[in-house]
Amino acid sequence: MPSSPSETRASLILRLQDAADVAAWDEFVELYGPAVYRSARRLGLQSADADDCVQEVLVAVANSVTQWLQRDNRGAFRAWLFRIARNTAIDFLTRRKHRPVAPAGEAGPEKLDELAAAPEVSSCFDLEYRREIFLRASEIVRQHVADSSWQAFYRTSVLHGNVRDVAAELGMSVGSVYIARSRVMKRLQQIVKTFEDSAHD
């Protein structure tokens, strides 16, 4: 994992053109691999198949990232990546042994059609990516704030605990909880924006 969010920028995408750049590929896999894996699982793939799906996505990116970078109308990197991920997952599901099972026990082609057409398929990848970004940003921020500040943020903003109850549990004033939560949230937003900017380059 990069020591700072500034290390995850458009330069990482450029470095992916070099298959021998192990550090770039490791960083790329750490950032995007979990999102692709969890999305594949949510679409119905078994764990081993989801792992294979991730590998196929990585191969596809390695084989075509240079051509994508050369396109004038390439759009956002993340959108391109998740089109690959979506198509790969759907392809897995169309292979007979991976097909979703219908109530009668047979692979249901109508289920595949529903999956391919459903807007949830695309939003699923986006949701998992955003979740991964939040986890990575959280790891960075947590290393740079007091534990009480992190707990104040996490318990009230993530776990939706009552501010007064959390303040009492942490031995803080209600005002201090609000201040700590605001500061942590601001840092998280800054780091998330850095990741998002790199994904849109």
C-alpha atoms as a PDB file:
ATOM      1  CA  MET A   1       0.000   0.000   0.000  1.00  0.00           C
ATOM      2  CA  PRO A   2       1.356   3.457  -0.859  1.00  0.00           C
ATOM      3  CA  SER A   3       2.531   5.497   2.097  1.00  0.00           C
ATOM      4  CA  SER A   4       0.601   8.538   0.916  1.00  0.00           C
ATOM      5  CA  PRO A   5      -2.315   9.116  -1.456  1.00  0.00           C
ATOM      6  CA  SER A   6      -0.107  11.252  -3.702  1.00  0.00           C
ATOM      7  CA  GLU A   7       1.590   8.052  -4.824  1.00  0.00           C
ATOM      8  CA  THR A   8      -1.655   6.865  -6.434  1.00  0.00           C
ATOM      9  CA  ARG A   9      -2.006   9.180  -9.417  1.00  0.00           C
ATOM     10  CA  ALA A  10      -2.273   9.102 -13.175  1.00  0.00           C
ATOM     11  CA  SER A  11       1.394   8.132 -13.269  1.00  0.00           C
ATOM     12  CA  LEU A  12       0.391   4.710 -11.942  1.00  0.00           C
ATOM     13  CA  ILE A  13      -1.770   4.123 -15.006  1.00  0.00           C
ATOM     14  CA  LEU A  14       1.110   5.089 -17.275  1.00  0.00           C
ATOM     15  CA  ARG A  15       3.388   2.675 -15.460  1.00  0.00           C
ATOM     16  CA  LEU A  16       0.977  -0.205 -16.093  1.00  0.00           C
ATOM     17  CA  GLN A  17       2.225  -0.248 -19.684  1.00  0.00           C
ATOM     18  CA  ASP A  18       5.395  -1.856 -18.352  1.00  0.00           C
ATOM     19  CA  ALA A  19       4.537  -5.435 -17.384  1.00  0.00           C
ATOM     20  CA  ALA A  20       7.844  -5.638 -15.506  1.00  0.00           C
ATOM     21  CA  ASP A  21       6.930  -2.767 -13.171  1.00  0.00           C
ATOM     22  CA  VAL A  22       6.028  -5.011 -10.252  1.00  0.00           C
ATOM     23  CA  ALA A  23       5.514  -2.145  -7.795  1.00  0.00           C
ATOM     24  CA  ALA A  24       2.966  -0.456 -10.075  1.00  0.00           C
ATOM     25  CA  TRP A  25       1.048  -3.665 -10.636  1.00  0.00           C
ATOM     26  CA  ASP A  26       1.096  -4.527  -6.930  1.00  0.00           C
ATOM     27  CA  GLU A  27      -0.346  -1.120  -6.119  1.00  0.00           C
ATOM     28  CA  PHE A  28      -2.935  -1.432  -8.870  1.00  0.00           C
ATOM     29  CA  VAL A  29      -4.036  -4.872  -7.653  1.00  0.00           C
ATOM     30  CA  GLU A  30      -4.285  -3.655  -4.051  1.00  0.00           C
ATOM     31  CA  LEU A  31      -6.505  -0.776  -5.094  1.00  0.00           C
ATOM     32  CA  TYR A  32      -8.769  -2.393  -7.667  1.00  0.00           C
ATOM     33  CA  GLY A  33      -8.509  -6.143  -7.072  1.00  0.00           C
ATOM     34  CA  PRO A  34     -10.745  -6.298  -3.979  1.00  0.00           C
ATOM     35  CA  ALA A  35     -13.443  -4.215  -5.692  1.00  0.00           C
ATOM     36  CA  VAL A  36     -13.471  -6.498  -8.731  1.00  0.00           C
ATOM     37  CA  TYR A  37     -13.468  -9.613  -6.533  1.00  0.00           C
ATOM     38  CA  ARG A  38     -16.339  -8.517  -4.300  1.00  0.00           C
ATOM     39  CA  SER A  39     -18.353  -7.370  -7.302  1.00  0.00           C
ATOM     40  CA  ALA A  40     -17.900 -10.741  -8.979  1.00  0.00           C
ATOM     41  CA  ARG A  41     -19.046 -12.461  -5.797  1.00  0.00           C
ATOM     42  CA  ARG A  42     -22.123 -10.264  -5.588  1.00  0.00           C
ATOM     43  CA  LEU A  43     -22.951 -11.181  -9.174  1.00  0.00           C
ATOM     44  CA  GLY A  44     -23.042 -14.849  -8.222  1.00  0.00           C
ATOM     45  CA  LEU A  45     -19.543 -16.233  -8.818  1.00  0.00           C
ATOM     46  CA  GLN A  46     -18.046 -18.656  -6.320  1.00  0.00           C
ATOM     47  CA  SER A  47     -14.883 -17.585  -4.492  1.00  0.00           C
ATOM     48  CA  ALA A  48     -12.452 -19.457  -6.753  1.00  0.00           C
ATOM     49  CA  ASP A  49     -14.249 -18.222  -9.877  1.00  0.00           C
ATOM     50  CA  ALA A  50     -14.179 -14.653  -8.566  1.00  0.00           C
ATOM     51  CA  ASP A  51     -10.410 -14.997  -8.091  1.00  0.00           C
ATOM     52  CA  ASP A  52     -10.110 -16.220 -11.686  1.00  0.00           C
ATOM     53  CA  CYS A  53     -12.270 -13.313 -12.831  1.00  0.00           C
ATOM     54  CA  VAL A  54      -9.872 -10.857 -11.160  1.00  0.00           C
ATOM     55  CA  GLN A  55      -6.944 -12.505 -12.921  1.00  0.00           C
ATOM     56  CA  GLU A  56      -8.670 -12.272 -16.302  1.00  0.00           C
ATOM     57  CA  VAL A  57      -9.426  -8.597 -15.713  1.00  0.00           C
ATOM     58  CA  LEU A  58      -5.763  -7.954 -14.882  1.00  0.00           C
ATOM     59  CA  VAL A  59      -4.655  -9.764 -18.050  1.00  0.00           C
ATOM     60  CA  ALA A  60      -7.139  -7.747 -20.107  1.00  0.00           C
ATOM     61  CA  VAL A  61      -5.868  -4.489 -18.617  1.00  0.00           C
ATOM     62  CA  ALA A  62      -2.249  -5.481 -19.232  1.00  0.00           C
ATOM     63  CA  ASN A  63      -3.032  -6.354 -22.847  1.00  0.00           C
ATOM     64  CA  SER A  64      -4.969  -3.204 -23.683  1.00  0.00           C
ATOM     65  CA  VAL A  65      -3.911  -0.342 -21.365  1.00  0.00           C
ATOM     66  CA  THR A  66      -1.438   1.026 -23.922  1.00  0.00           C
ATOM     67  CA  GLN A  67      -4.087   1.145 -26.652  1.00  0.00           C
ATOM     68  CA  TRP A  68      -6.516   2.762 -24.218  1.00  0.00           C
ATOM     69  CA  LEU A  69      -3.996   5.471 -23.319  1.00  0.00           C
ATOM     70  CA  GLN A  70      -3.489   6.263 -27.001  1.00  0.00           C
ATOM     71  CA  ARG A  71      -7.189   6.898 -27.610  1.00  0.00           C
ATOM     72  CA  ASP A  72      -8.250  10.543 -27.898  1.00  0.00           C
ATOM     73  CA  ASN A  73     -11.722   9.801 -26.537  1.00  0.00           C
ATOM     74  CA  ARG A  74     -10.718   7.345 -23.845  1.00  0.00           C
ATOM     75  CA  GLY A  75     -12.772   8.868 -21.021  1.00  0.00           C
ATOM     76  CA  ALA A  76     -12.169   7.989 -17.377  1.00  0.00           C
ATOM     77  CA  PHE A  77      -9.869   5.117 -16.495  1.00  0.00           C
ATOM     78  CA  ARG A  78     -12.221   3.744 -13.865  1.00  0.00           C
ATOM     79  CA  ALA A  79     -15.135   3.595 -16.296  1.00  0.00           C
ATOM     80  CA  TRP A  80     -12.960   1.698 -18.778  1.00  0.00           C
ATOM     81  CA  LEU A  81     -11.687  -0.682 -16.116  1.00  0.00           C
ATOM     82  CA  PHE A  82     -15.109  -1.538 -14.829  1.00  0.00           C
ATOM     83  CA  ARG A  83     -16.466  -2.126 -18.318  1.00  0.00           C
ATOM     84  CA  ILE A  84     -13.767  -4.778 -18.589  1.00  0.00           C
ATOM     85  CA  ALA A  85     -14.660  -6.141 -15.150  1.00  0.00           C
ATOM     86  CA  ARG A  86     -18.381  -6.213 -15.925  1.00  0.00           C
ATOM     87  CA  ASN A  87     -17.909  -7.955 -19.261  1.00  0.00           C
ATOM     88  CA  THR A  88     -15.517 -10.470 -17.728  1.00  0.00           C
ATOM     89  CA  ALA A  89     -17.947 -11.327 -14.926  1.00  0.00           C
ATOM     90  CA  ILE A  90     -20.841 -11.699 -17.369  1.00  0.00           C
ATOM     91  CA  ASP A  91     -18.628 -13.871 -19.556  1.00  0.00           C
ATOM     92  CA  PHE A  92     -17.906 -16.100 -16.560  1.00  0.00           C
ATOM     93  CA  LEU A  93     -21.612 -16.429 -15.877  1.00  0.00           C
ATOM     94  CA  THR A  94     -22.341 -17.432 -19.461  1.00  0.00           C
ATOM     95  CA  ARG A  95     -19.942 -20.343 -19.272  1.00  0.00           C
ATOM     96  CA  ARG A  96     -22.062 -23.388 -18.532  1.00  0.00           C
ATOM     97  CA  LYS A  97     -20.393 -24.454 -15.275  1.00  0.00           C
ATOM     98  CA  HIS A  98     -20.678 -20.933 -13.816  1.00  0.00           C
ATOM     99  CA  ARG A  99     -24.265 -20.170 -14.805  1.00  0.00           C
ATOM    100  CA  PRO A 100     -26.702 -19.098 -12.107  1.00  0.00           C
ATOM    101  CA  VAL A 101     -29.066 -21.901 -11.181  1.00  0.00           C
ATOM    102  CA  ALA A 102     -32.766 -21.472 -11.823  1.00  0.00           C
ATOM    103  CA  PRO A 103     -35.351 -22.806  -9.328  1.00  0.00           C
ATOM    104  CA  ALA A 104     -35.755 -26.003 -11.358  1.00  0.00           C
ATOM    105  CA  GLY A 105     -32.032 -26.686 -11.025  1.00  0.00           C
ATOM    106  CA  GLU A 106     -31.130 -25.741 -14.592  1.00  0.00           C
ATOM    107  CA  ALA A 107     -28.955 -22.820 -15.595  1.00  0.00           C
ATOM    108  CA  GLY A 108     -31.315 -19.942 -16.268  1.00  0.00           C
ATOM    109  CA  PRO A 109     -30.572 -17.988 -19.441  1.00  0.00           C
ATOM    110  CA  GLU A 110     -33.216 -15.458 -18.457  1.00  0.00           C
ATOM    111  CA  LYS A 111     -31.231 -14.834 -15.279  1.00  0.00           C
ATOM    112  CA  LEU A 112     -28.163 -14.048 -17.366  1.00  0.00           C
ATOM    113  CA  ASP A 113     -30.163 -11.626 -19.494  1.00  0.00           C
ATOM    114  CA  GLU A 114     -31.419  -9.914 -16.369  1.00  0.00           C
ATOM    115  CA  LEU A 115     -27.879  -9.617 -15.004  1.00  0.00           C
ATOM    116  CA  ALA A 116     -26.464  -8.253 -18.236  1.00  0.00           C
ATOM    117  CA  ALA A 117     -29.186  -5.623 -18.543  1.00  0.00           C
ATOM    118  CA  ALA A 118     -29.523  -4.639 -14.906  1.00  0.00           C
ATOM    119  CA  PRO A 119     -28.120  -1.226 -13.947  1.00  0.00           C
ATOM    120  CA  GLU A 120     -27.110  -2.843 -10.650  1.00  0.00           C
ATOM    121  CA  VAL A 121     -24.312  -4.657 -12.486  1.00  0.00           C
ATOM    122  CA  SER A 122     -22.520  -1.411 -13.257  1.00  0.00           C
ATOM    123  CA  SER A 123     -23.379   0.248  -9.960  1.00  0.00           C
ATOM    124  CA  CYS A 124     -22.160  -2.859  -8.128  1.00  0.00           C
ATOM    125  CA  PHE A 125     -18.604  -2.344  -9.383  1.00  0.00           C
ATOM    126  CA  ASP A 126     -18.747   1.352  -8.592  1.00  0.00           C
ATOM    127  CA  LEU A 127     -20.010   0.672  -5.077  1.00  0.00           C
ATOM    128  CA  GLU A 128     -17.270  -1.850  -4.374  1.00  0.00           C
ATOM    129  CA  TYR A 129     -14.613   0.527  -5.719  1.00  0.00           C
ATOM    130  CA  ARG A 130     -15.843   3.329  -3.486  1.00  0.00           C
ATOM    131  CA  ARG A 131     -15.868   0.969  -0.525  1.00  0.00           C
ATOM    132  CA  GLU A 132     -12.256   0.018  -1.222  1.00  0.00           C
ATOM    133  CA  ILE A 133     -11.255   3.677  -1.520  1.00  0.00           C
ATOM    134  CA  PHE A 134     -12.903   4.416   1.811  1.00  0.00           C
ATOM    135  CA  LEU A 135     -11.064   1.516   3.469  1.00  0.00           C
ATOM    136  CA  ARG A 136      -7.718   2.662   2.085  1.00  0.00           C
ATOM    137  CA  ALA A 137      -8.341   6.289   3.033  1.00  0.00           C
ATOM    138  CA  SER A 138      -9.400   5.160   6.502  1.00  0.00           C
ATOM    139  CA  GLU A 139      -6.159   3.260   7.001  1.00  0.00           C
ATOM    140  CA  ILE A 140      -4.160   6.345   6.089  1.00  0.00           C
ATOM    141  CA  VAL A 141      -6.158   8.771   8.234  1.00  0.00           C
ATOM    142  CA  ARG A 142      -6.246   6.471  11.250  1.00  0.00           C
ATOM    143  CA  GLN A 143      -2.451   6.447  11.332  1.00  0.00           C
ATOM    144  CA  HIS A 144      -2.358  10.244  11.594  1.00  0.00           C
ATOM    145  CA  VAL A 145      -5.064  11.061  14.143  1.00  0.00           C
ATOM    146  CA  ALA A 146      -5.517  10.284  17.821  1.00  0.00           C
ATOM    147  CA  ASP A 147      -7.425   7.086  18.516  1.00  0.00           C
ATOM    148  CA  SER A 148     -10.092   9.027  20.400  1.00  0.00           C
ATOM    149  CA  SER A 149     -10.656  11.236  17.341  1.00  0.00           C
ATOM    150  CA  TRP A 150     -10.951   8.221  15.077  1.00  0.00           C
ATOM    151  CA  GLN A 151     -13.339   6.488  17.472  1.00  0.00           C
ATOM    152  CA  ALA A 152     -15.452   9.629  17.715  1.00  0.00           C
ATOM    153  CA  PHE A 153     -15.756   9.723  13.940  1.00  0.00           C
ATOM    154  CA  TYR A 154     -16.232   5.985  13.421  1.00  0.00           C
ATOM    155  CA  ARG A 155     -18.781   5.420  16.161  1.00  0.00           C
ATOM    156  CA  THR A 156     -20.959   8.391  15.186  1.00  0.00           C
ATOM    157  CA  SER A 157     -20.552   8.568  11.401  1.00  0.00           C
ATOM    158  CA  VAL A 158     -20.101   4.904  10.453  1.00  0.00           C
ATOM    159  CA  LEU A 159     -21.871   3.066  13.269  1.00  0.00           C
ATOM    160  CA  HIS A 160     -24.392   5.926  13.665  1.00  0.00           C
ATOM    161  CA  GLY A 161     -24.045   6.012  17.419  1.00  0.00           C
ATOM    162  CA  ASN A 162     -25.659   8.777  19.455  1.00  0.00           C
ATOM    163  CA  VAL A 163     -23.179  11.642  19.885  1.00  0.00           C
ATOM    164  CA  ARG A 164     -23.892  12.071  23.601  1.00  0.00           C
ATOM    165  CA  ASP A 165     -23.519   8.350  24.261  1.00  0.00           C
ATOM    166  CA  VAL A 166     -20.262   8.183  22.303  1.00  0.00           C
ATOM    167  CA  ALA A 167     -18.931  11.239  24.118  1.00  0.00           C
ATOM    168  CA  ALA A 168     -19.655   9.604  27.472  1.00  0.00           C
ATOM    169  CA  GLU A 169     -18.051   6.314  26.393  1.00  0.00           C
ATOM    170  CA  LEU A 170     -14.895   8.089  25.208  1.00  0.00           C
ATOM    171  CA  GLY A 171     -14.706  10.526  28.112  1.00  0.00           C
ATOM    172  CA  MET A 172     -15.037  13.490  25.745  1.00  0.00           C
ATOM    173  CA  SER A 173     -17.336  16.470  25.647  1.00  0.00           C
ATOM    174  CA  VAL A 174     -20.076  16.504  23.029  1.00  0.00           C
ATOM    175  CA  GLY A 175     -18.381  19.476  21.358  1.00  0.00           C
ATOM    176  CA  SER A 176     -15.072  17.612  21.199  1.00  0.00           C
ATOM    177  CA  VAL A 177     -16.773  14.673  19.476  1.00  0.00           C
ATOM    178  CA  TYR A 178     -18.251  16.980  16.836  1.00  0.00           C
ATOM    179  CA  ILE A 179     -14.886  18.672  16.262  1.00  0.00           C
ATOM    180  CA  ALA A 180     -12.988  15.378  16.046  1.00  0.00           C
ATOM    181  CA  ARG A 181     -15.577  13.923  13.665  1.00  0.00           C
ATOM    182  CA  SER A 182     -15.394  16.975  11.441  1.00  0.00           C
ATOM    183  CA  ARG A 183     -11.586  16.915  11.269  1.00  0.00           C
ATOM    184  CA  VAL A 184     -11.444  13.208  10.458  1.00  0.00           C
ATOM    185  CA  MET A 185     -14.158  13.586   7.837  1.00  0.00           C
ATOM    186  CA  LYS A 186     -12.270  16.446   6.191  1.00  0.00           C
ATOM    187  CA  ARG A 187      -9.063  14.388   6.000  1.00  0.00           C
ATOM    188  CA  LEU A 188     -10.949  11.428   4.578  1.00  0.00           C
ATOM    189  CA  GLN A 189     -12.572  13.605   1.924  1.00  0.00           C
ATOM    190  CA  GLN A 190      -9.202  15.024   0.898  1.00  0.00           C
ATOM    191  CA  ILE A 191      -7.646  11.589   0.492  1.00  0.00           C
ATOM    192  CA  VAL A 192     -10.674  10.125  -1.276  1.00  0.00           C
ATOM    193  CA  LYS A 193     -10.595  13.065  -3.699  1.00  0.00           C
ATOM    194  CA  THR A 194      -6.960  12.298  -4.477  1.00  0.00           C
ATOM    195  CA  PHE A 195      -7.840   8.705  -5.318  1.00  0.00           C
ATOM    196  CA  GLU A 196     -10.879   9.786  -7.317  1.00  0.00           C
ATOM    197  CA  ASP A 197      -8.842  12.326  -9.288  1.00  0.00           C
ATOM    198  CA  SER A 198      -6.308   9.669 -10.210  1.00  0.00           C
ATOM    199  CA  ALA A 199      -9.071   7.321 -11.366  1.00  0.00           C
ATOM    200  CA  HIS A 200     -10.548   9.978 -13.647  1.00  0.00           C
ATOM    201  CA  ASP A 201      -7.281  10.928 -15.373  1.00  0.00           C
END
